[in-house]
Amino acid sequence: MNTPYKLVTKEAAAELLCVSKRTIDNWISDGTLPMPTNIGRRVYWHPDVFRSWEDGKFGVLTPPECTKTSQLRRGRPRAQMA
């Protein structure tokens, strides 16, 4: 018996990769992402195709969690004072 799966949408891909939908469009255009299947105006990837691309791009590690820009420290790293 086949197990059901959920197609990967552009929105889901953007969320998984911590980028905007526009970046996903650009990555599709320049060949960074595998070509999706169009159904109407929406694009979808089979989850196995998307996961295999992800594994090939990032190795067996998953991409890091999204970090908010407010949490990032800007500027030159400084030595810690004891």
Protein backbone atom coordinates (compact mmCIF):
# COMPACT_ATOMS: atom_id res chain seq x y z
CA MET A 1 0.00 0.00 0.00
CA ASN A 2 1.34 3.44 -0.90
CA THR A 3 1.76 5.95 1.87
CA PRO A 4 0.34 9.40 1.17
CA TYR A 5 2.75 12.29 0.84
CA LYS A 6 2.41 16.05 0.79
CA LEU A 7 3.81 17.98 -2.17
CA VAL A 8 6.36 20.71 -1.43
CA THR A 9 5.02 24.12 -2.40
CA LYS A 10 7.05 27.25 -3.13
CA GLU A 11 5.95 28.66 0.22
CA ALA A 12 7.04 25.52 2.07
CA ALA A 13 10.39 25.47 0.23
CA ALA A 14 10.99 29.13 1.14
CA GLU A 15 10.21 28.41 4.78
CA LEU A 16 12.41 25.31 4.88
CA LEU A 17 15.36 27.16 3.34
CA CYS A 18 14.80 30.42 5.27
CA VAL A 19 14.55 32.53 2.10
CA SER A 20 11.83 34.52 0.34
CA LYS A 21 9.53 33.19 -2.39
CA ARG A 22 11.30 35.54 -4.81
CA THR A 23 14.61 33.83 -4.02
CA ILE A 24 12.96 30.48 -4.77
CA ASP A 25 11.86 31.91 -8.15
CA ASN A 26 15.42 33.06 -8.84
CA TRP A 27 16.87 29.67 -7.85
CA ILE A 28 14.43 27.89 -10.17
CA SER A 29 15.42 30.24 -13.02
CA ASP A 30 19.16 29.80 -12.58
CA GLY A 31 18.97 26.03 -12.01
CA THR A 32 19.92 26.01 -8.34
CA LEU A 33 16.68 24.21 -7.47
CA PRO A 34 15.32 21.29 -9.47
CA MET A 35 12.53 22.16 -11.88
CA PRO A 36 9.13 21.98 -10.19
CA THR A 37 5.90 20.75 -11.74
CA ASN A 38 3.40 23.47 -12.59
CA ILE A 39 -0.24 22.89 -11.75
CA GLY A 40 -2.12 26.00 -12.73
CA ARG A 41 -0.23 28.99 -11.39
CA ARG A 42 1.35 27.06 -8.55
CA VAL A 43 4.55 25.03 -8.53
CA TYR A 44 5.18 21.81 -6.63
CA TRP A 45 8.02 19.41 -6.00
CA HIS A 46 7.63 15.77 -5.12
CA PRO A 47 8.94 15.49 -1.56
CA ASP A 48 11.47 12.79 -2.53
CA VAL A 49 12.91 15.00 -5.30
CA PHE A 50 13.13 18.02 -3.00
CA ARG A 51 14.68 16.02 -0.13
CA SER A 52 17.26 14.41 -2.43
CA TRP A 53 18.25 17.87 -3.73
CA GLU A 54 18.46 19.08 -0.14
CA ASP A 55 20.62 16.12 0.88
CA GLY A 56 22.91 16.66 -2.10
CA LYS A 57 23.25 20.38 -1.42
CA PHE A 58 23.65 20.25 2.35
CA GLY A 59 24.97 16.74 2.85
CA VAL A 60 23.23 14.65 5.45
CA LEU A 61 22.85 17.68 7.69
CA THR A 62 19.67 19.70 7.59
CA PRO A 63 19.89 23.46 7.00
CA PRO A 64 20.25 25.58 10.14
CA GLU A 65 17.18 27.05 11.75
CA CYS A 66 16.20 30.52 10.66
CA THR A 67 17.78 33.23 12.76
CA LYS A 68 16.25 36.61 13.16
CA THR A 69 18.47 39.46 12.00
CA SER A 70 18.02 41.16 15.36
CA GLN A 71 19.82 38.23 17.01
CA LEU A 72 22.85 38.49 14.74
CA ARG A 73 25.84 40.37 16.07
CA ARG A 74 27.18 42.85 13.60
CA GLY A 75 30.72 44.10 13.18
CA ARG A 76 34.10 42.59 13.80
CA PRO A 77 34.31 39.71 16.29
CA ARG A 78 36.05 40.69 19.48
CA ALA A 79 38.03 38.63 21.98
CA GLN A 80 36.14 37.80 25.15
CA MET A 81 37.39 39.55 28.27
CA ALA A 82 37.88 37.26 31.27
